[in-house]
C-alpha atoms as a PDB file:
ATOM      1  CA  MET A   1     189.684 132.663 122.859  1.00  0.00           C
ATOM      2  CA  ASN A   2     186.369 130.840 122.855  1.00  0.00           C
ATOM      3  CA  THR A   3     183.802 132.914 124.666  1.00  0.00           C
ATOM      4  CA  ARG A   4     182.288 136.105 123.323  1.00  0.00           C
ATOM      5  CA  ARG A   5     184.360 138.080 125.813  1.00  0.00           C
ATOM      6  CA  ASN A   6     187.655 136.657 124.611  1.00  0.00           C
ATOM      7  CA  LEU A   7     186.675 136.464 120.969  1.00  0.00           C
ATOM      8  CA  LEU A   8     186.019 140.170 120.903  1.00  0.00           C
ATOM      9  CA  LEU A   9     189.455 140.908 122.306  1.00  0.00           C
ATOM     10  CA  GLY A  10     191.061 139.570 119.163  1.00  0.00           C
ATOM     11  CA  ALA A  11     188.285 140.573 116.821  1.00  0.00           C
ATOM     12  CA  GLY A  12     190.023 143.410 115.017  1.00  0.00           C
ATOM     13  CA  ALA A  13     192.469 141.182 113.209  1.00  0.00           C
ATOM     14  CA  ALA A  14     189.890 138.455 112.720  1.00  0.00           C
ATOM     15  CA  ALA A  15     187.398 140.818 111.141  1.00  0.00           C
ATOM     16  CA  LEU A  16     189.980 141.669 108.501  1.00  0.00           C
ATOM     17  CA  GLY A  17     190.667 138.024 107.846  1.00  0.00           C
ATOM     18  CA  LEU A  18     194.190 138.118 109.264  1.00  0.00           C
ATOM     19  CA  LEU A  19     193.801 135.417 111.889  1.00  0.00           C
ATOM     20  CA  THR A  20     193.369 131.811 110.761  1.00  0.00           C
ATOM     21  CA  TRP A  21     193.174 128.571 112.657  1.00  0.00           C
ATOM     22  CA  ARG A  22     193.942 125.118 111.363  1.00  0.00           C
ATOM     23  CA  ALA A  23     192.521 122.462 113.664  1.00  0.00           C
ATOM     24  CA  ALA A  24     193.420 118.818 113.865  1.00  0.00           C
ATOM     25  CA  PRO A  25     190.457 116.428 113.746  1.00  0.00           C
ATOM     26  CA  SER A  26     189.227 115.346 117.148  1.00  0.00           C
ATOM     27  CA  ARG A  27     188.569 111.691 117.877  1.00  0.00           C
ATOM     28  CA  SER A  28     184.935 112.377 118.740  1.00  0.00           C
ATOM     29  CA  ALA A  29     184.367 114.263 115.498  1.00  0.00           C
ATOM     30  CA  ALA A  30     185.992 111.541 113.413  1.00  0.00           C
ATOM     31  CA  THR A  31     183.952 108.863 115.156  1.00  0.00           C
ATOM     32  CA  ALA A  32     180.713 110.777 114.759  1.00  0.00           C
ATOM     33  CA  THR A  33     181.132 111.276 111.027  1.00  0.00           C
ATOM     34  CA  GLY A  34     182.940 108.094 110.141  1.00  0.00           C
ATOM     35  CA  ASP A  35     185.517 110.287 108.405  1.00  0.00           C
ATOM     36  CA  GLY A  36     189.004 110.653 109.815  1.00  0.00           C
ATOM     37  CA  ASP A  37     189.325 114.096 108.228  1.00  0.00           C
ATOM     38  CA  ALA A  38     186.171 115.510 109.809  1.00  0.00           C
ATOM     39  CA  LEU A  39     186.466 118.386 112.248  1.00  0.00           C
ATOM     40  CA  LEU A  40     182.891 118.509 113.494  1.00  0.00           C
ATOM     41  CA  PRO A  41     180.335 115.917 114.605  1.00  0.00           C
ATOM     42  CA  ASN A  42     177.516 114.707 112.412  1.00  0.00           C
ATOM     43  CA  THR A  43     174.888 115.877 114.885  1.00  0.00           C
ATOM     44  CA  THR A  44     171.332 115.770 113.578  1.00  0.00           C
ATOM     45  CA  VAL A  45     169.953 119.301 113.579  1.00  0.00           C
ATOM     46  CA  LEU A  46     166.502 120.650 112.732  1.00  0.00           C
ATOM     47  CA  ALA A  47     166.273 123.816 110.675  1.00  0.00           C
ATOM     48  CA  HIS A  48     163.714 126.572 110.531  1.00  0.00           C
ATOM     49  CA  ASP A  49     162.775 125.302 107.062  1.00  0.00           C
ATOM     50  CA  GLY A  50     161.369 122.164 108.711  1.00  0.00           C
ATOM     51  CA  ARG A  51     164.088 119.837 107.466  1.00  0.00           C
ATOM     52  CA  ALA A  52     166.546 117.643 109.344  1.00  0.00           C
ATOM     53  CA  TYR A  53     170.227 117.797 108.438  1.00  0.00           C
ATOM     54  CA  ARG A  54     173.427 116.042 109.437  1.00  0.00           C
ATOM     55  CA  PHE A  55     175.542 118.942 110.603  1.00  0.00           C
ATOM     56  CA  TYR A  56     178.871 117.985 109.108  1.00  0.00           C
ATOM     57  CA  ASP A  57     177.907 115.952 106.044  1.00  0.00           C
ATOM     58  CA  ASP A  58     175.009 118.123 104.890  1.00  0.00           C
ATOM     59  CA  LEU A  59     175.945 121.609 106.075  1.00  0.00           C
ATOM     60  CA  VAL A  60     179.706 121.936 106.481  1.00  0.00           C
ATOM     61  CA  ARG A  61     181.612 119.369 104.429  1.00  0.00           C
ATOM     62  CA  ASP A  62     183.677 121.087 101.692  1.00  0.00           C
ATOM     63  CA  LYS A  63     181.830 124.388 102.226  1.00  0.00           C
ATOM     64  CA  VAL A  64     182.667 127.938 103.270  1.00  0.00           C
ATOM     65  CA  VAL A  65     180.489 128.657 106.294  1.00  0.00           C
ATOM     66  CA  ALA A  66     179.720 131.333 108.866  1.00  0.00           C
ATOM     67  CA  ILE A  67     178.344 130.025 112.179  1.00  0.00           C
ATOM     68  CA  ASN A  68     176.987 132.006 115.117  1.00  0.00           C
ATOM     69  CA  MET A  69     175.121 131.208 118.316  1.00  0.00           C
ATOM     70  CA  MET A  70     171.839 132.872 119.278  1.00  0.00           C
ATOM     71  CA  TYR A  71     168.460 132.272 120.893  1.00  0.00           C
ATOM     72  CA  VAL A  72     165.023 133.684 120.193  1.00  0.00           C
ATOM     73  CA  GLN A  73     164.369 135.295 123.582  1.00  0.00           C
ATOM     74  CA  CYS A  74     167.816 136.915 123.758  1.00  0.00           C
ATOM     75  CA  SER A  75     167.463 140.534 124.812  1.00  0.00           C
ATOM     76  CA  GLY A  76     171.164 141.323 124.547  1.00  0.00           C
ATOM     77  CA  VAL A  77     173.258 141.311 121.396  1.00  0.00           C
ATOM     78  CA  CYS A  78     171.219 138.782 119.385  1.00  0.00           C
ATOM     79  CA  PRO A  79     168.770 141.188 117.667  1.00  0.00           C
ATOM     80  CA  ALA A  80     171.537 143.557 116.579  1.00  0.00           C
ATOM     81  CA  MET A  81     173.716 140.609 115.577  1.00  0.00           C
ATOM     82  CA  THR A  82     171.005 139.035 113.432  1.00  0.00           C
ATOM     83  CA  ALA A  83     170.227 142.385 111.795  1.00  0.00           C
ATOM     84  CA  ASN A  84     173.921 142.872 111.055  1.00  0.00           C
ATOM     85  CA  LEU A  85     174.259 139.404 109.583  1.00  0.00           C
ATOM     86  CA  ARG A  86     171.204 140.159 107.455  1.00  0.00           C
ATOM     87  CA  ARG A  87     173.276 142.962 105.918  1.00  0.00           C
ATOM     88  CA  VAL A  88     176.072 140.447 105.327  1.00  0.00           C
ATOM     89  CA  GLN A  89     173.529 138.221 103.582  1.00  0.00           C
ATOM     90  CA  GLN A  90     172.527 141.093 101.340  1.00  0.00           C
ATOM     91  CA  MET A  91     176.149 141.893 100.490  1.00  0.00           C
ATOM     92  CA  LEU A  92     176.831 138.263  99.582  1.00  0.00           C
ATOM     93  CA  GLY A  93     173.901 138.258  97.178  1.00  0.00           C
ATOM     94  CA  GLN A  94     173.808 135.139  94.989  1.00  0.00           C
ATOM     95  CA  ARG A  95     176.981 133.785  96.591  1.00  0.00           C
ATOM     96  CA  LEU A  96     174.929 132.829  99.658  1.00  0.00           C
ATOM     97  CA  GLY A  97     173.575 129.330  99.227  1.00  0.00           C
ATOM     98  CA  ARG A  98     176.029 128.663  96.425  1.00  0.00           C
ATOM     99  CA  ASP A  99     179.560 129.585  97.590  1.00  0.00           C
ATOM    100  CA  VAL A 100     178.898 130.558 101.225  1.00  0.00           C
ATOM    101  CA  TYR A 101     176.457 129.256 103.832  1.00  0.00           C
ATOM    102  CA  MET A 102     175.314 130.825 107.103  1.00  0.00           C
ATOM    103  CA  TYR A 103     174.115 128.919 110.179  1.00  0.00           C
ATOM    104  CA  SER A 104     172.666 130.335 113.391  1.00  0.00           C
ATOM    105  CA  ILE A 105     172.478 127.715 116.162  1.00  0.00           C
ATOM    106  CA  THR A 106     170.223 128.217 119.143  1.00  0.00           C
ATOM    107  CA  LEU A 107     171.717 128.126 122.610  1.00  0.00           C
ATOM    108  CA  ARG A 108     168.320 127.204 124.054  1.00  0.00           C
ATOM    109  CA  PRO A 109     167.052 124.224 122.049  1.00  0.00           C
ATOM    110  CA  GLU A 110     164.540 123.331 124.748  1.00  0.00           C
ATOM    111  CA  GLN A 111     162.667 126.539 123.887  1.00  0.00           C
ATOM    112  CA  ASP A 112     163.644 127.209 120.290  1.00  0.00           C
ATOM    113  CA  ARG A 113     162.024 124.608 118.085  1.00  0.00           C
ATOM    114  CA  PRO A 114     161.848 124.900 114.269  1.00  0.00           C
ATOM    115  CA  GLN A 115     158.556 126.791 114.376  1.00  0.00           C
ATOM    116  CA  SER A 116     159.847 129.499 116.710  1.00  0.00           C
ATOM    117  CA  LEU A 117     163.075 129.768 114.715  1.00  0.00           C
ATOM    118  CA  ALA A 118     161.026 130.139 111.535  1.00  0.00           C
ATOM    119  CA  ALA A 119     159.067 132.967 113.140  1.00  0.00           C
ATOM    120  CA  TYR A 120     162.309 134.593 114.264  1.00  0.00           C
ATOM    121  CA  ALA A 121     163.806 134.308 110.774  1.00  0.00           C
ATOM    122  CA  GLY A 122     160.618 135.775 109.379  1.00  0.00           C
ATOM    123  CA  LEU A 123     161.038 138.895 111.496  1.00  0.00           C
ATOM    124  CA  TYR A 124     164.285 139.550 109.644  1.00  0.00           C
ATOM    125  CA  ARG A 125     162.869 138.560 106.249  1.00  0.00           C
ATOM    126  CA  ILE A 126     165.179 135.581 105.872  1.00  0.00           C
ATOM    127  CA  GLU A 127     163.793 133.155 103.310  1.00  0.00           C
ATOM    128  CA  PRO A 128     163.971 129.380 103.984  1.00  0.00           C
ATOM    129  CA  ASP A 129     166.025 128.696 100.827  1.00  0.00           C
ATOM    130  CA  SER A 130     168.377 131.668 101.131  1.00  0.00           C
ATOM    131  CA  GLY A 131     171.441 129.712 102.285  1.00  0.00           C
ATOM    132  CA  TRP A 132     171.005 130.854 105.887  1.00  0.00           C
ATOM    133  CA  LEU A 133     169.560 128.305 108.300  1.00  0.00           C
ATOM    134  CA  PHE A 134     168.514 128.657 111.942  1.00  0.00           C
ATOM    135  CA  LEU A 135     169.187 125.370 113.713  1.00  0.00           C
ATOM    136  CA  THR A 136     168.021 123.500 116.791  1.00  0.00           C
ATOM    137  CA  GLY A 137     168.230 119.910 118.003  1.00  0.00           C
ATOM    138  CA  GLU A 138     168.679 117.748 121.073  1.00  0.00           C
ATOM    139  CA  PRO A 139     170.097 119.842 123.950  1.00  0.00           C
ATOM    140  CA  ALA A 140     172.959 117.497 124.866  1.00  0.00           C
ATOM    141  CA  GLU A 141     174.025 117.127 121.244  1.00  0.00           C
ATOM    142  CA  LEU A 142     173.923 120.862 120.581  1.00  0.00           C
ATOM    143  CA  LEU A 143     175.966 121.472 123.712  1.00  0.00           C
ATOM    144  CA  SER A 144     178.672 119.145 122.387  1.00  0.00           C
ATOM    145  CA  LEU A 145     178.431 120.713 118.940  1.00  0.00           C
ATOM    146  CA  ARG A 146     178.768 124.240 120.353  1.00  0.00           C
ATOM    147  CA  ARG A 147     181.933 123.323 122.190  1.00  0.00           C
ATOM    148  CA  GLN A 148     183.494 121.573 119.220  1.00  0.00           C
ATOM    149  CA  ILE A 149     182.806 124.566 117.011  1.00  0.00           C
ATOM    150  CA  GLY A 150     184.790 126.631 119.507  1.00  0.00           C
ATOM    151  CA  PHE A 151     182.142 128.469 121.513  1.00  0.00           C
ATOM    152  CA  PHE A 152     183.121 127.468 125.043  1.00  0.00           C
ATOM    153  CA  ASP A 153     184.886 128.700 128.134  1.00  0.00           C
ATOM    154  CA  PRO A 154     186.979 126.613 130.545  1.00  0.00           C
ATOM    155  CA  ASP A 155     185.221 128.320 133.464  1.00  0.00           C
ATOM    156  CA  PRO A 156     181.985 126.324 133.988  1.00  0.00           C
ATOM    157  CA  LEU A 157     180.147 129.376 135.310  1.00  0.00           C
ATOM    158  CA  VAL A 158     180.988 131.414 132.228  1.00  0.00           C
ATOM    159  CA  ASP A 159     180.366 128.488 129.894  1.00  0.00           C
ATOM    160  CA  GLY A 160     176.926 127.973 131.441  1.00  0.00           C
ATOM    161  CA  ASP A 161     175.899 131.541 130.647  1.00  0.00           C
ATOM    162  CA  THR A 162     174.307 131.353 127.210  1.00  0.00           C
ATOM    163  CA  ALA A 163     174.830 135.075 126.625  1.00  0.00           C
ATOM    164  CA  SER A 164     178.600 134.575 126.786  1.00  0.00           C
ATOM    165  CA  HIS A 165     178.540 132.656 123.508  1.00  0.00           C
ATOM    166  CA  THR A 166     176.767 135.244 121.380  1.00  0.00           C
ATOM    167  CA  GLY A 167     178.383 138.118 119.528  1.00  0.00           C
ATOM    168  CA  ALA A 168     180.958 136.230 117.454  1.00  0.00           C
ATOM    169  CA  VAL A 169     180.949 134.386 114.143  1.00  0.00           C
ATOM    170  CA  ARG A 170     183.074 131.319 113.426  1.00  0.00           C
ATOM    171  CA  ILE A 171     184.053 131.391 109.761  1.00  0.00           C
ATOM    172  CA  GLY A 172     185.658 128.477 107.974  1.00  0.00           C
ATOM    173  CA  ASN A 173     186.506 126.663 104.794  1.00  0.00           C
ATOM    174  CA  ASP A 174     186.167 122.962 105.578  1.00  0.00           C
ATOM    175  CA  ARG A 175     187.860 121.819 102.382  1.00  0.00           C
ATOM    176  CA  PHE A 176     191.127 123.499 103.365  1.00  0.00           C
ATOM    177  CA  ARG A 177     190.676 123.278 107.161  1.00  0.00           C
ATOM    178  CA  ARG A 178     190.994 127.047 107.354  1.00  0.00           C
ATOM    179  CA  TRP A 179     189.071 128.631 110.222  1.00  0.00           C
ATOM    180  CA  THR A 180     188.938 132.097 111.710  1.00  0.00           C
ATOM    181  CA  MET A 181     186.491 134.296 113.583  1.00  0.00           C
ATOM    182  CA  ALA A 182     184.943 137.738 113.489  1.00  0.00           C
ATOM    183  CA  PRO A 183     182.730 139.800 115.794  1.00  0.00           C
ATOM    184  CA  ALA A 184     179.117 139.535 114.696  1.00  0.00           C
ATOM    185  CA  LEU A 185     178.714 143.307 115.106  1.00  0.00           C
ATOM    186  CA  ALA A 186     181.683 144.177 112.897  1.00  0.00           C
ATOM    187  CA  GLU A 187     180.983 146.172 109.761  1.00  0.00           C
ATOM    188  CA  PRO A 188     179.307 143.808 107.270  1.00  0.00           C
ATOM    189  CA  GLY A 189     182.042 144.527 104.750  1.00  0.00           C
ATOM    190  CA  GLN A 190     184.644 143.306 107.260  1.00  0.00           C
ATOM    191  CA  ILE A 191     182.745 140.068 107.809  1.00  0.00           C
ATOM    192  CA  VAL A 192     182.509 139.550 104.053  1.00  0.00           C
ATOM    193  CA  ALA A 193     186.264 140.254 103.802  1.00  0.00           C
ATOM    194  CA  THR A 194     186.870 137.538 106.398  1.00  0.00           C
ATOM    195  CA  LEU A 195     184.755 135.106 104.370  1.00  0.00           C
ATOM    196  CA  ASN A 196     186.723 136.037 101.275  1.00  0.00           C
ATOM    197  CA  HIS A 197     189.946 135.401 103.153  1.00  0.00           C
ATOM    198  CA  VAL A 198     189.088 131.724 103.714  1.00  0.00           C
ATOM    199  CA  ASP A 199     187.346 131.220 100.356  1.00  0.00           C
ATOM    200  CA  ASP A 200     189.921 129.826  97.922  1.00  0.00           C
ATOM    201  CA  ARG A 201     187.617 130.550  94.982  1.00  0.00           C
ATOM    202  CA  MET A 202     187.749 134.249  95.732  1.00  0.00           C
ATOM    203  CA  GLN A 203     191.530 134.097  96.039  1.00  0.00           C
ATOM    204  CA  HIS A 204     191.871 132.299  92.715  1.00  0.00           C
ATOM    205  CA  THR A 205     189.576 134.819  91.047  1.00  0.00           C
ATOM    206  CA  ALA A 206     191.674 137.689  92.399  1.00  0.00           C
ATOM    207  CA  HIS A 207     194.867 135.978  91.204  1.00  0.00           C
ATOM    208  CA  ARG A 208     193.538 135.591  87.670  1.00  0.00           C
ATOM    209  CA  ALA A 209     192.368 139.197  87.631  1.00  0.00           C
ATOM    210  CA  ALA A 210     195.838 140.355  88.708  1.00  0.00           C
ATOM    211  CA  THR A 211     197.511 138.414  85.936  1.00  0.00           C
END
């Protein structure tokens, strides 16, 4: 269930936070980060805020994250997806950038450099320090990163179609190795519910409130 087509087939349960995935660390990820517990490579990425980050160490390690794939010139689902995730950002409020982080990774890094991603983010009124970053980098490294995140298809023809990797959000809590997914066009409240499902802080808060 790694392409948009297959992700959407199981999206109903995922959007409600009922489907979780615990992944074992891959050898390539562990080697890239120097950490045997790492799930993702430490690829250097460039953000629309003009800064360079190490993907795992700086952006994912011990965090609750929502990751989607997009590209600036996408005429399909990307505009509606970004607008929908903007509503998720608004619902998260001050939690974004503190408890939850959002990352949109371009599928066309040859075209989408930080300046064009900044312009794209500006169209949706996404501030550089909001906790939501639009990311680019070296094409070969982003290709490997995309596949390790889980946006891939075993059919090379499908995998080579950038549009097949849009429309879904990979949601995870790195600290507890808890990962799930949701359709990017689900109701924003459902996406937030999925984030809450993997966020142990929300669960602990609910437990205390119940007692």
